[in-house]
Amino acid sequence: MKYTYKTKGTCSRQIDLDINGDVITNVKFYGGCDGNLKAIPALVDGLTVDTIEKKCAGIQCGFKGTSCADQLAHAVRAAYEESKKE
């Protein structure tokens, strides 16, 4: 299932991803730091929702209280919950 998440509190404004069961692939960020936008998707491709949450949830970028990685943790959980409805 394809899923789009609108980020909050980060330079990136949106995350697109695919979820199959609890496995995440094809993560794409829109807006933000070029290095993070390339590195994060490469590092999480093929990981489960739980693994991504454990690795990324709570990471902060400066004073923002969140980060692109933290927003990805929110996105994968939201995608998983939405996929269970189908």
PDB file of N, CA and C in Angstrom:
ATOM      1  N   MET A   1       0.842  -1.172   0.000  1.00  0.00           N
ATOM      2  CA  MET A   1       0.000   0.000   0.000  1.00  0.00           C
ATOM      3  C   MET A   1       0.891   1.241   0.000  1.00  0.00           C
ATOM      4  N   LYS A   2       0.552   2.188  -0.819  1.00  0.00           N
ATOM      5  CA  LYS A   2       1.258   3.468  -0.823  1.00  0.00           C
ATOM      6  C   LYS A   2       0.648   4.361   0.254  1.00  0.00           C
ATOM      7  N   TYR A   3       1.509   5.137   0.925  1.00  0.00           N
ATOM      8  CA  TYR A   3       1.027   5.989   2.010  1.00  0.00           C
ATOM      9  C   TYR A   3       1.766   7.322   1.958  1.00  0.00           C
ATOM     10  N   THR A   4       1.038   8.401   2.192  1.00  0.00           N
ATOM     11  CA  THR A   4       1.611   9.746   2.249  1.00  0.00           C
ATOM     12  C   THR A   4       1.353  10.322   3.629  1.00  0.00           C
ATOM     13  N   TYR A   5       2.414  10.878   4.223  1.00  0.00           N
ATOM     14  CA  TYR A   5       2.329  11.470   5.562  1.00  0.00           C
ATOM     15  C   TYR A   5       2.796  12.919   5.485  1.00  0.00           C
ATOM     16  N   LYS A   6       1.985  13.820   5.983  1.00  0.00           N
ATOM     17  CA  LYS A   6       2.351  15.236   6.054  1.00  0.00           C
ATOM     18  C   LYS A   6       3.098  15.465   7.365  1.00  0.00           C
ATOM     19  N   THR A   7       4.355  15.868   7.269  1.00  0.00           N
ATOM     20  CA  THR A   7       5.182  16.035   8.465  1.00  0.00           C
ATOM     21  C   THR A   7       4.803  17.297   9.229  1.00  0.00           C
ATOM     22  N   LYS A   8       5.208  17.320  10.491  1.00  0.00           N
ATOM     23  CA  LYS A   8       4.947  18.468  11.361  1.00  0.00           C
ATOM     24  C   LYS A   8       6.239  18.853  12.070  1.00  0.00           C
ATOM     25  N   GLY A   9       6.608  20.131  12.001  1.00  0.00           N
ATOM     26  CA  GLY A   9       7.748  20.634  12.758  1.00  0.00           C
ATOM     27  C   GLY A   9       9.111  20.368  12.172  1.00  0.00           C
ATOM     28  N   THR A  10       9.175  19.979  10.898  1.00  0.00           N
ATOM     29  CA  THR A  10      10.467  19.716  10.259  1.00  0.00           C
ATOM     30  C   THR A  10      10.584  20.490   8.948  1.00  0.00           C
ATOM     31  N   CYS A  11      11.797  20.527   8.428  1.00  0.00           N
ATOM     32  CA  CYS A  11      12.020  21.166   7.127  1.00  0.00           C
ATOM     33  C   CYS A  11      11.350  20.364   6.012  1.00  0.00           C
ATOM     34  N   SER A  12      11.376  19.026   6.138  1.00  0.00           N
ATOM     35  CA  SER A  12      10.647  18.226   5.154  1.00  0.00           C
ATOM     36  C   SER A  12       9.155  18.432   5.376  1.00  0.00           C
ATOM     37  N   ARG A  13       8.402  18.368   4.300  1.00  0.00           N
ATOM     38  CA  ARG A  13       6.972  18.647   4.407  1.00  0.00           C
ATOM     39  C   ARG A  13       6.108  17.411   4.189  1.00  0.00           C
ATOM     40  N   GLN A  14       6.694  16.357   3.611  1.00  0.00           N
ATOM     41  CA  GLN A  14       5.912  15.168   3.295  1.00  0.00           C
ATOM     42  C   GLN A  14       6.828  13.961   3.191  1.00  0.00           C
ATOM     43  N   ILE A  15       6.285  12.793   3.562  1.00  0.00           N
ATOM     44  CA  ILE A  15       6.975  11.522   3.388  1.00  0.00           C
ATOM     45  C   ILE A  15       6.031  10.592   2.637  1.00  0.00           C
ATOM     46  N   ASP A  16       6.524  10.008   1.555  1.00  0.00           N
ATOM     47  CA  ASP A  16       5.800   8.953   0.849  1.00  0.00           C
ATOM     48  C   ASP A  16       6.511   7.636   1.133  1.00  0.00           C
ATOM     49  N   LEU A  17       5.750   6.554   1.250  1.00  0.00           N
ATOM     50  CA  LEU A  17       6.343   5.242   1.493  1.00  0.00           C
ATOM     51  C   LEU A  17       5.390   4.156   1.044  1.00  0.00           C
ATOM     52  N   ASP A  18       5.932   2.955   0.938  1.00  0.00           N
ATOM     53  CA  ASP A  18       5.125   1.767   0.677  1.00  0.00           C
ATOM     54  C   ASP A  18       5.191   0.884   1.910  1.00  0.00           C
ATOM     55  N   ILE A  19       4.065   0.242   2.236  1.00  0.00           N
ATOM     56  CA  ILE A  19       4.018  -0.705   3.343  1.00  0.00           C
ATOM     57  C   ILE A  19       3.374  -1.988   2.853  1.00  0.00           C
ATOM     58  N   ASN A  20       4.016  -3.101   3.169  1.00  0.00           N
ATOM     59  CA  ASN A  20       3.500  -4.423   2.827  1.00  0.00           C
ATOM     60  C   ASN A  20       3.571  -5.260   4.095  1.00  0.00           C
ATOM     61  N   GLY A  21       2.423  -5.501   4.725  1.00  0.00           N
ATOM     62  CA  GLY A  21       2.420  -6.123   6.050  1.00  0.00           C
ATOM     63  C   GLY A  21       2.937  -5.103   7.040  1.00  0.00           C
ATOM     64  N   ASP A  22       4.131  -5.386   7.598  1.00  0.00           N
ATOM     65  CA  ASP A  22       4.757  -4.393   8.475  1.00  0.00           C
ATOM     66  C   ASP A  22       6.130  -3.965   7.953  1.00  0.00           C
ATOM     67  N   VAL A  23       6.390  -4.233   6.669  1.00  0.00           N
ATOM     68  CA  VAL A  23       7.682  -3.909   6.054  1.00  0.00           C
ATOM     69  C   VAL A  23       7.555  -2.638   5.222  1.00  0.00           C
ATOM     70  N   ILE A  24       8.511  -1.728   5.437  1.00  0.00           N
ATOM     71  CA  ILE A  24       8.515  -0.418   4.786  1.00  0.00           C
ATOM     72  C   ILE A  24       9.543  -0.387   3.660  1.00  0.00           C
ATOM     73  N   THR A  25       9.133   0.128   2.504  1.00  0.00           N
ATOM     74  CA  THR A  25      10.041   0.308   1.366  1.00  0.00           C
ATOM     75  C   THR A  25       9.722   1.631   0.674  1.00  0.00           C
ATOM     76  N   ASN A  26      10.603   2.013  -0.229  1.00  0.00           N
ATOM     77  CA  ASN A  26      10.396   3.170  -1.111  1.00  0.00           C
ATOM     78  C   ASN A  26      10.069   4.462  -0.357  1.00  0.00           C
ATOM     79  N   VAL A  27      10.818   4.725   0.718  1.00  0.00           N
ATOM     80  CA  VAL A  27      10.620   5.960   1.486  1.00  0.00           C
ATOM     81  C   VAL A  27      11.161   7.131   0.687  1.00  0.00           C
ATOM     82  N   LYS A  28      10.385   8.202   0.617  1.00  0.00           N
ATOM     83  CA  LYS A  28      10.828   9.420  -0.064  1.00  0.00           C
ATOM     84  C   LYS A  28      10.373  10.630   0.740  1.00  0.00           C
ATOM     85  N   PHE A  29      11.344  11.493   1.074  1.00  0.00           N
ATOM     86  CA  PHE A  29      11.063  12.748   1.762  1.00  0.00           C
ATOM     87  C   PHE A  29      10.992  13.870   0.739  1.00  0.00           C
ATOM     88  N   TYR A  30      10.173  14.870   1.021  1.00  0.00           N
ATOM     89  CA  TYR A  30      10.073  16.067   0.184  1.00  0.00           C
ATOM     90  C   TYR A  30      10.443  17.267   1.038  1.00  0.00           C
ATOM     91  N   GLY A  31      11.490  17.968   0.636  1.00  0.00           N
ATOM     92  CA  GLY A  31      11.991  19.113   1.381  1.00  0.00           C
ATOM     93  C   GLY A  31      12.909  18.661   2.497  1.00  0.00           C
ATOM     94  N   GLY A  32      13.839  19.523   2.891  1.00  0.00           N
ATOM     95  CA  GLY A  32      14.741  19.202   3.992  1.00  0.00           C
ATOM     96  C   GLY A  32      16.182  19.076   3.547  1.00  0.00           C
ATOM     97  N   CYS A  33      17.011  18.571   4.452  1.00  0.00           N
ATOM     98  CA  CYS A  33      18.456  18.436   4.217  1.00  0.00           C
ATOM     99  C   CYS A  33      18.730  17.308   3.224  1.00  0.00           C
ATOM    100  N   ASP A  34      19.432  17.609   2.168  1.00  0.00           N
ATOM    101  CA  ASP A  34      19.671  16.655   1.089  1.00  0.00           C
ATOM    102  C   ASP A  34      20.284  15.351   1.586  1.00  0.00           C
ATOM    103  N   GLY A  35      21.265  15.445   2.473  1.00  0.00           N
ATOM    104  CA  GLY A  35      21.920  14.231   2.981  1.00  0.00           C
ATOM    105  C   GLY A  35      20.961  13.332   3.738  1.00  0.00           C
ATOM    106  N   ASN A  36      20.171  13.920   4.622  1.00  0.00           N
ATOM    107  CA  ASN A  36      19.184  13.137   5.374  1.00  0.00           C
ATOM    108  C   ASN A  36      18.154  12.517   4.446  1.00  0.00           C
ATOM    109  N   LEU A  37      17.759  13.268   3.431  1.00  0.00           N
ATOM    110  CA  LEU A  37      16.726  12.783   2.519  1.00  0.00           C
ATOM    111  C   LEU A  37      17.194  11.582   1.707  1.00  0.00           C
ATOM    112  N   LYS A  38      18.498  11.450   1.542  1.00  0.00           N
ATOM    113  CA  LYS A  38      19.060  10.298   0.837  1.00  0.00           C
ATOM    114  C   LYS A  38      19.420   9.174   1.802  1.00  0.00           C
ATOM    115  N   ALA A  39      19.998   9.528   2.956  1.00  0.00           N
ATOM    116  CA  ALA A  39      20.496   8.517   3.892  1.00  0.00           C
ATOM    117  C   ALA A  39      19.377   7.764   4.603  1.00  0.00           C
ATOM    118  N   ILE A  40      18.405   8.485   5.127  1.00  0.00           N
ATOM    119  CA  ILE A  40      17.363   7.826   5.919  1.00  0.00           C
ATOM    120  C   ILE A  40      16.631   6.758   5.100  1.00  0.00           C
ATOM    121  N   PRO A  41      16.154   7.066   3.891  1.00  0.00           N
ATOM    122  CA  PRO A  41      15.477   6.012   3.116  1.00  0.00           C
ATOM    123  C   PRO A  41      16.370   4.799   2.841  1.00  0.00           C
ATOM    124  N   ALA A  42      17.652   5.033   2.564  1.00  0.00           N
ATOM    125  CA  ALA A  42      18.563   3.922   2.300  1.00  0.00           C
ATOM    126  C   ALA A  42      18.736   3.044   3.537  1.00  0.00           C
ATOM    127  N   LEU A  43      18.770   3.658   4.706  1.00  0.00           N
ATOM    128  CA  LEU A  43      18.990   2.915   5.948  1.00  0.00           C
ATOM    129  C   LEU A  43      17.763   2.133   6.412  1.00  0.00           C
ATOM    130  N   VAL A  44      16.573   2.606   6.093  1.00  0.00           N
ATOM    131  CA  VAL A  44      15.361   1.948   6.608  1.00  0.00           C
ATOM    132  C   VAL A  44      14.668   1.048   5.588  1.00  0.00           C
ATOM    133  N   ASP A  45      15.109   1.044   4.349  1.00  0.00           N
ATOM    134  CA  ASP A  45      14.437   0.248   3.319  1.00  0.00           C
ATOM    135  C   ASP A  45      14.418  -1.231   3.701  1.00  0.00           C
ATOM    136  N   GLY A  46      13.228  -1.812   3.741  1.00  0.00           N
ATOM    137  CA  GLY A  46      13.082  -3.224   4.060  1.00  0.00           C
ATOM    138  C   GLY A  46      12.948  -3.535   5.541  1.00  0.00           C
ATOM    139  N   LEU A  47      13.005  -2.516   6.398  1.00  0.00           N
ATOM    140  CA  LEU A  47      12.855  -2.734   7.838  1.00  0.00           C
ATOM    141  C   LEU A  47      11.381  -2.751   8.229  1.00  0.00           C
ATOM    142  N   THR A  48      11.107  -3.314   9.399  1.00  0.00           N
ATOM    143  CA  THR A  48       9.735  -3.355   9.900  1.00  0.00           C
ATOM    144  C   THR A  48       9.378  -2.044  10.590  1.00  0.00           C
ATOM    145  N   VAL A  49       8.088  -1.853  10.769  1.00  0.00           N
ATOM    146  CA  VAL A  49       7.579  -0.670  11.468  1.00  0.00           C
ATOM    147  C   VAL A  49       8.194  -0.585  12.859  1.00  0.00           C
ATOM    148  N   ASP A  50       8.183  -1.687  13.614  1.00  0.00           N
ATOM    149  CA  ASP A  50       8.728  -1.674  14.977  1.00  0.00           C
ATOM    150  C   ASP A  50      10.205  -1.310  14.999  1.00  0.00           C
ATOM    151  N   THR A  51      10.976  -1.853  14.069  1.00  0.00           N
ATOM    152  CA  THR A  51      12.412  -1.559  14.023  1.00  0.00           C
ATOM    153  C   THR A  51      12.654  -0.086  13.732  1.00  0.00           C
ATOM    154  N   ILE A  52      11.930   0.468  12.778  1.00  0.00           N
ATOM    155  CA  ILE A  52      12.088   1.888  12.447  1.00  0.00           C
ATOM    156  C   ILE A  52      11.698   2.752  13.638  1.00  0.00           C
ATOM    157  N   GLU A  53      10.607   2.413  14.297  1.00  0.00           N
ATOM    158  CA  GLU A  53      10.196   3.184  15.477  1.00  0.00           C
ATOM    159  C   GLU A  53      11.268   3.147  16.558  1.00  0.00           C
ATOM    160  N   LYS A  54      11.820   1.970  16.832  1.00  0.00           N
ATOM    161  CA  LYS A  54      12.849   1.838  17.872  1.00  0.00           C
ATOM    162  C   LYS A  54      14.088   2.657  17.541  1.00  0.00           C
ATOM    163  N   LYS A  55      14.458   2.709  16.264  1.00  0.00           N
ATOM    164  CA  LYS A  55      15.668   3.424  15.857  1.00  0.00           C
ATOM    165  C   LYS A  55      15.462   4.933  15.726  1.00  0.00           C
ATOM    166  N   CYS A  56      14.267   5.367  15.348  1.00  0.00           N
ATOM    167  CA  CYS A  56      14.073   6.759  14.938  1.00  0.00           C
ATOM    168  C   CYS A  56      13.213   7.614  15.865  1.00  0.00           C
ATOM    169  N   ALA A  57      12.311   7.006  16.614  1.00  0.00           N
ATOM    170  CA  ALA A  57      11.396   7.784  17.455  1.00  0.00           C
ATOM    171  C   ALA A  57      12.166   8.560  18.517  1.00  0.00           C
ATOM    172  N   GLY A  58      11.804   9.815  18.676  1.00  0.00           N
ATOM    173  CA  GLY A  58      12.388  10.648  19.713  1.00  0.00           C
ATOM    174  C   GLY A  58      13.643  11.405  19.329  1.00  0.00           C
ATOM    175  N   ILE A  59      14.187  11.151  18.149  1.00  0.00           N
ATOM    176  CA  ILE A  59      15.369  11.898  17.703  1.00  0.00           C
ATOM    177  C   ILE A  59      14.947  13.338  17.428  1.00  0.00           C
ATOM    178  N   GLN A  60      15.737  14.280  17.934  1.00  0.00           N
ATOM    179  CA  GLN A  60      15.419  15.697  17.748  1.00  0.00           C
ATOM    180  C   GLN A  60      16.443  16.372  16.845  1.00  0.00           C
ATOM    181  N   CYS A  61      15.987  17.365  16.119  1.00  0.00           N
ATOM    182  CA  CYS A  61      16.848  18.191  15.273  1.00  0.00           C
ATOM    183  C   CYS A  61      16.886  19.581  15.894  1.00  0.00           C
ATOM    184  N   GLY A  62      17.991  19.908  16.526  1.00  0.00           N
ATOM    185  CA  GLY A  62      18.116  21.217  17.162  1.00  0.00           C
ATOM    186  C   GLY A  62      17.040  21.433  18.205  1.00  0.00           C
ATOM    187  N   PHE A  63      16.396  22.571  18.144  1.00  0.00           N
ATOM    188  CA  PHE A  63      15.391  22.970  19.128  1.00  0.00           C
ATOM    189  C   PHE A  63      13.973  22.556  18.728  1.00  0.00           C
ATOM    190  N   LYS A  64      13.813  21.839  17.637  1.00  0.00           N
ATOM    191  CA  LYS A  64      12.485  21.579  17.069  1.00  0.00           C
ATOM    192  C   LYS A  64      11.636  20.589  17.863  1.00  0.00           C
ATOM    193  N   GLY A  65      12.241  19.720  18.645  1.00  0.00           N
ATOM    194  CA  GLY A  65      11.471  18.722  19.366  1.00  0.00           C
ATOM    195  C   GLY A  65      11.093  17.511  18.528  1.00  0.00           C
ATOM    196  N   THR A  66      11.490  17.514  17.277  1.00  0.00           N
ATOM    197  CA  THR A  66      11.262  16.393  16.363  1.00  0.00           C
ATOM    198  C   THR A  66      12.369  16.432  15.315  1.00  0.00           C
ATOM    199  N   SER A  67      12.308  15.553  14.354  1.00  0.00           N
ATOM    200  CA  SER A  67      13.288  15.497  13.265  1.00  0.00           C
ATOM    201  C   SER A  67      12.666  14.726  12.112  1.00  0.00           C
ATOM    202  N   CYS A  68      13.359  14.679  10.997  1.00  0.00           N
ATOM    203  CA  CYS A  68      12.862  13.880   9.874  1.00  0.00           C
ATOM    204  C   CYS A  68      12.770  12.408  10.270  1.00  0.00           C
ATOM    205  N   ALA A  69      13.756  11.917  11.018  1.00  0.00           N
ATOM    206  CA  ALA A  69      13.725  10.523  11.467  1.00  0.00           C
ATOM    207  C   ALA A  69      12.552  10.278  12.410  1.00  0.00           C
ATOM    208  N   ASP A  70      12.324  11.188  13.347  1.00  0.00           N
ATOM    209  CA  ASP A  70      11.201  11.069  14.277  1.00  0.00           C
ATOM    210  C   ASP A  70       9.876  11.108  13.519  1.00  0.00           C
ATOM    211  N   GLN A  71       9.766  11.989  12.544  1.00  0.00           N
ATOM    212  CA  GLN A  71       8.546  12.060  11.743  1.00  0.00           C
ATOM    213  C   GLN A  71       8.344  10.778  10.938  1.00  0.00           C
ATOM    214  N   LEU A  72       9.438  10.156  10.497  1.00  0.00           N
ATOM    215  CA  LEU A  72       9.321   8.873   9.806  1.00  0.00           C
ATOM    216  C   LEU A  72       8.744   7.818  10.748  1.00  0.00           C
ATOM    217  N   ALA A  73       9.169   7.829  12.002  1.00  0.00           N
ATOM    218  CA  ALA A  73       8.607   6.889  12.982  1.00  0.00           C
ATOM    219  C   ALA A  73       7.096   7.080  13.102  1.00  0.00           C
ATOM    220  N   HIS A  74       6.653   8.334  13.143  1.00  0.00           N
ATOM    221  CA  HIS A  74       5.213   8.614  13.177  1.00  0.00           C
ATOM    222  C   HIS A  74       4.538   8.135  11.884  1.00  0.00           C
ATOM    223  N   ALA A  75       5.196   8.372  10.757  1.00  0.00           N
ATOM    224  CA  ALA A  75       4.622   8.018   9.454  1.00  0.00           C
ATOM    225  C   ALA A  75       4.436   6.516   9.302  1.00  0.00           C
ATOM    226  N   VAL A  76       5.451   5.734   9.694  1.00  0.00           N
ATOM    227  CA  VAL A  76       5.337   4.284   9.512  1.00  0.00           C
ATOM    228  C   VAL A  76       4.261   3.698  10.420  1.00  0.00           C
ATOM    229  N   ARG A  77       4.117   4.238  11.626  1.00  0.00           N
ATOM    230  CA  ARG A  77       3.055   3.756  12.522  1.00  0.00           C
ATOM    231  C   ARG A  77       1.682   4.104  11.947  1.00  0.00           C
ATOM    232  N   ALA A  78       1.540   5.329  11.448  1.00  0.00           N
ATOM    233  CA  ALA A  78       0.267   5.740  10.853  1.00  0.00           C
ATOM    234  C   ALA A  78      -0.063   4.881   9.632  1.00  0.00           C
ATOM    235  N   ALA A  79       0.942   4.602   8.811  1.00  0.00           N
ATOM    236  CA  ALA A  79       0.733   3.761   7.632  1.00  0.00           C
ATOM    237  C   ALA A  79       0.309   2.355   8.042  1.00  0.00           C
ATOM    238  N   TYR A  80       0.957   1.823   9.059  1.00  0.00           N
ATOM    239  CA  TYR A  80       0.622   0.482   9.533  1.00  0.00           C
ATOM    240  C   TYR A  80      -0.818   0.427  10.037  1.00  0.00           C
ATOM    241  N   GLU A  81      -1.198   1.403  10.846  1.00  0.00           N
ATOM    242  CA  GLU A  81      -2.567   1.441  11.375  1.00  0.00           C
ATOM    243  C   GLU A  81      -3.593   1.576  10.244  1.00  0.00           C
ATOM    244  N   GLU A  82      -3.279   2.394   9.254  1.00  0.00           N
ATOM    245  CA  GLU A  82      -4.179   2.564   8.100  1.00  0.00           C
ATOM    246  C   GLU A  82      -4.278   1.270   7.291  1.00  0.00           C
ATOM    247  N   SER A  83      -3.158   0.573   7.130  1.00  0.00           N
ATOM    248  CA  SER A  83      -3.155  -0.662   6.336  1.00  0.00           C
ATOM    249  C   SER A  83      -3.976  -1.764   6.998  1.00  0.00           C
ATOM    250  N   LYS A  84      -4.084  -1.739   8.307  1.00  0.00           N
ATOM    251  CA  LYS A  84      -4.879  -2.754   9.012  1.00  0.00           C
ATOM    252  C   LYS A  84      -6.372  -2.564   8.777  1.00  0.00           C
ATOM    253  N   LYS A  85      -6.780  -1.360   8.369  1.00  0.00           N
ATOM    254  CA  LYS A  85      -8.194  -1.073   8.115  1.00  0.00           C
ATOM    255  C   LYS A  85      -8.668  -1.658   6.792  1.00  0.00           C
ATOM    256  N   GLU A  86      -7.714  -1.888   5.889  1.00  0.00           N
ATOM    257  CA  GLU A  86      -8.083  -2.366   4.541  1.00  0.00           C
ATOM    258  C   GLU A  86      -8.370  -3.852   4.526  1.00  0.00           C
TER     259      GLU A  86
END
